Amino acid sequence: MKIKMAWPCLLFLAALFLSAGAVAEPDNEDKPFAEKHVVLQISDPNPFKQTLVLNVANNLIKHYGQDKIDIEIVAFGPGLRLLLADNSNLSRIDGLSSQGVRFSACSNTIKAFTKKLGKEPKLNPHSTRVSAGVVRIMDLVDQGYTLIKP
């Protein structure tokens, strides 16, 4: 009797163990030793907020070391201005990019800017287009990233 009762418990524990392994882990080949994975959201046009998000990324790198932290900054809505080629933070973005910080630009917002401006805005060369900024953030959070919105 006790052996028959143990099988359901063992099956339950095995399923629990296997499902725990199914939790999405961040998958960034550029930072194989990263212990922390962070996505920073910028959706505000305020230059102070743009500087703040770059400061947060810089402070995280100083604290953990560039190999121990994986950071992606996702810009959408009015926050896309951070990733425009003529943004005053160009040199800071260059520096952070050289330390492994990734910059994602929302394609939906780029389309809206294009419609409003009559031409596509020129983006910082360090930015990568993603289909939708909010979707990118949700995907990263699903992969285990911590969302921070400074």
Protein backbone atom coordinates (compact mmCIF):
# COMPACT_ATOMS: atom_id res chain seq x y z
CA MET A 1 0.00 0.00 0.00
CA LYS A 2 2.70 2.49 0.94
CA ILE A 3 4.58 1.86 -2.32
CA LYS A 4 1.44 2.55 -4.38
CA MET A 5 0.89 5.81 -2.46
CA ALA A 6 4.52 6.84 -3.06
CA TRP A 7 4.20 6.78 -6.88
CA PRO A 8 1.74 9.67 -7.10
CA CYS A 9 3.96 11.68 -4.76
CA LEU A 10 7.05 10.86 -6.81
CA LEU A 11 5.26 11.77 -10.02
CA PHE A 12 4.12 15.05 -8.49
CA LEU A 13 7.65 15.87 -7.30
CA ALA A 14 9.12 14.97 -10.71
CA ALA A 15 6.58 17.20 -12.47
CA LEU A 16 7.30 20.01 -10.02
CA PHE A 17 11.05 19.64 -10.55
CA LEU A 18 10.71 19.60 -14.34
CA SER A 19 8.36 22.57 -14.39
CA ALA A 20 10.80 24.55 -12.26
CA GLY A 21 13.38 23.98 -14.99
CA ALA A 22 10.91 25.33 -17.54
CA VAL A 23 11.06 28.85 -16.11
CA ALA A 24 12.50 31.07 -18.82
CA GLU A 25 16.04 32.17 -18.17
CA PRO A 26 17.54 35.21 -19.84
CA ASP A 27 19.23 34.16 -23.06
CA ASN A 28 21.97 36.61 -23.91
CA GLU A 29 25.05 35.08 -25.48
CA ASP A 30 26.95 38.38 -25.12
CA LYS A 31 26.85 38.19 -21.32
CA PRO A 32 27.26 34.51 -20.41
CA PHE A 33 28.42 35.34 -16.87
CA ALA A 34 25.73 37.91 -16.09
CA GLU A 35 24.12 37.38 -12.69
CA LYS A 36 21.55 40.15 -13.09
CA HIS A 37 19.35 40.88 -16.09
CA VAL A 38 17.66 44.28 -16.25
CA VAL A 39 15.41 46.01 -18.77
CA LEU A 40 15.15 49.78 -18.37
CA GLN A 41 12.08 51.47 -19.82
CA ILE A 42 12.17 54.97 -21.28
CA SER A 43 8.82 56.25 -22.50
CA ASP A 44 9.12 59.85 -21.36
CA PRO A 45 10.32 62.75 -23.57
CA ASN A 46 11.78 64.64 -20.60
CA PRO A 47 15.58 65.07 -21.05
CA PHE A 48 15.98 64.62 -17.28
CA LYS A 49 14.36 61.16 -17.50
CA GLN A 50 16.57 60.26 -20.48
CA THR A 51 19.66 61.21 -18.49
CA LEU A 52 18.31 59.33 -15.49
CA VAL A 53 17.86 56.06 -17.40
CA LEU A 54 21.45 56.33 -18.68
CA ASN A 55 22.67 57.10 -15.13
CA VAL A 56 20.89 54.03 -13.79
CA ALA A 57 22.51 51.83 -16.44
CA ASN A 58 25.91 53.32 -15.66
CA ASN A 59 25.45 52.87 -11.90
CA LEU A 60 24.41 49.23 -12.35
CA ILE A 61 27.55 48.56 -14.39
CA LYS A 62 29.72 50.27 -11.77
CA HIS A 63 28.14 48.21 -8.98
CA TYR A 64 28.07 44.76 -10.62
CA GLY A 65 30.78 45.08 -13.28
CA GLN A 66 30.00 45.00 -16.98
CA ASP A 67 30.32 41.21 -17.26
CA LYS A 68 28.00 40.50 -14.33
CA ILE A 69 25.00 42.53 -15.48
CA ASP A 70 22.97 42.35 -18.66
CA ILE A 71 21.12 45.60 -19.46
CA GLU A 72 18.73 46.52 -22.24
CA ILE A 73 17.17 49.96 -22.54
CA VAL A 74 13.86 49.92 -24.41
CA ALA A 75 12.58 53.21 -25.81
CA PHE A 76 9.02 53.70 -27.01
CA GLY A 77 6.49 56.50 -27.31
CA PRO A 78 7.98 59.91 -26.57
CA GLY A 79 10.97 58.13 -24.99
CA LEU A 80 12.17 57.19 -28.47
CA ARG A 81 13.76 60.66 -28.57
CA LEU A 82 16.60 59.21 -26.51
CA LEU A 83 17.59 57.05 -29.48
CA LEU A 84 17.38 59.71 -32.17
CA ALA A 85 20.71 60.32 -33.89
CA ASP A 86 20.76 63.98 -32.87
CA ASN A 87 20.10 63.36 -29.16
CA SER A 88 22.55 65.16 -26.89
CA ASN A 89 23.33 61.87 -25.07
CA LEU A 90 25.04 60.33 -28.11
CA SER A 91 28.45 59.99 -26.45
CA ARG A 92 26.95 58.46 -23.30
CA ILE A 93 25.05 55.93 -25.41
CA ASP A 94 28.30 55.13 -27.26
CA GLY A 95 30.05 54.52 -23.94
CA LEU A 96 27.30 52.35 -22.50
CA SER A 97 27.02 50.39 -25.72
CA SER A 98 30.75 49.63 -25.59
CA GLN A 99 30.10 48.16 -22.12
CA GLY A 100 27.44 45.82 -23.48
CA VAL A 101 24.24 47.81 -22.87
CA ARG A 102 21.71 47.20 -25.65
CA PHE A 103 19.29 49.83 -26.92
CA SER A 104 15.95 48.86 -28.46
CA ALA A 105 13.77 51.25 -30.47
CA CYS A 106 10.05 50.60 -30.94
CA SER A 107 9.12 50.22 -34.64
CA ASN A 108 5.54 51.28 -33.91
CA THR A 109 6.81 54.57 -32.51
CA ILE A 110 9.21 55.02 -35.43
CA LYS A 111 6.23 54.67 -37.80
CA ALA A 112 4.27 57.27 -35.80
CA PHE A 113 7.24 59.68 -35.83
CA THR A 114 7.62 59.12 -39.59
CA LYS A 115 3.98 59.93 -40.19
CA LYS A 116 4.18 63.08 -38.04
CA LEU A 117 7.53 64.30 -39.42
CA GLY A 118 6.92 63.30 -43.04
CA LYS A 119 10.18 61.33 -43.05
CA GLU A 120 11.70 58.55 -40.99
CA PRO A 121 13.77 59.83 -38.08
CA LYS A 122 17.44 58.91 -38.09
CA LEU A 123 18.27 56.61 -35.18
CA ASN A 124 21.39 56.24 -33.10
CA PRO A 125 23.54 53.56 -34.77
CA HIS A 126 23.64 51.60 -31.49
CA SER A 127 19.88 51.10 -31.46
CA THR A 128 18.13 48.00 -32.70
CA ARG A 129 14.56 48.08 -33.92
CA VAL A 130 12.04 45.86 -32.20
CA SER A 131 8.48 45.36 -33.39
CA ALA A 132 6.93 46.95 -30.30
CA GLY A 133 8.69 48.36 -27.25
CA VAL A 134 6.07 47.16 -24.78
CA VAL A 135 6.13 43.65 -26.28
CA ARG A 136 9.94 43.61 -26.04
CA ILE A 137 9.74 44.54 -22.37
CA MET A 138 7.12 41.85 -21.71
CA ASP A 139 9.25 39.24 -23.51
CA LEU A 140 12.33 40.18 -21.48
CA VAL A 141 10.36 40.06 -18.23
CA ASP A 142 9.11 36.60 -19.25
CA GLN A 143 12.78 35.62 -19.71
CA GLY A 144 13.55 36.63 -16.14
CA TYR A 145 14.65 40.25 -16.58
CA THR A 146 13.80 42.78 -13.89
CA LEU A 147 11.89 45.79 -15.23
CA ILE A 148 13.00 49.17 -13.93
CA LYS A 149 11.32 52.39 -14.97
CA PRO A 150 13.39 55.27 -13.58
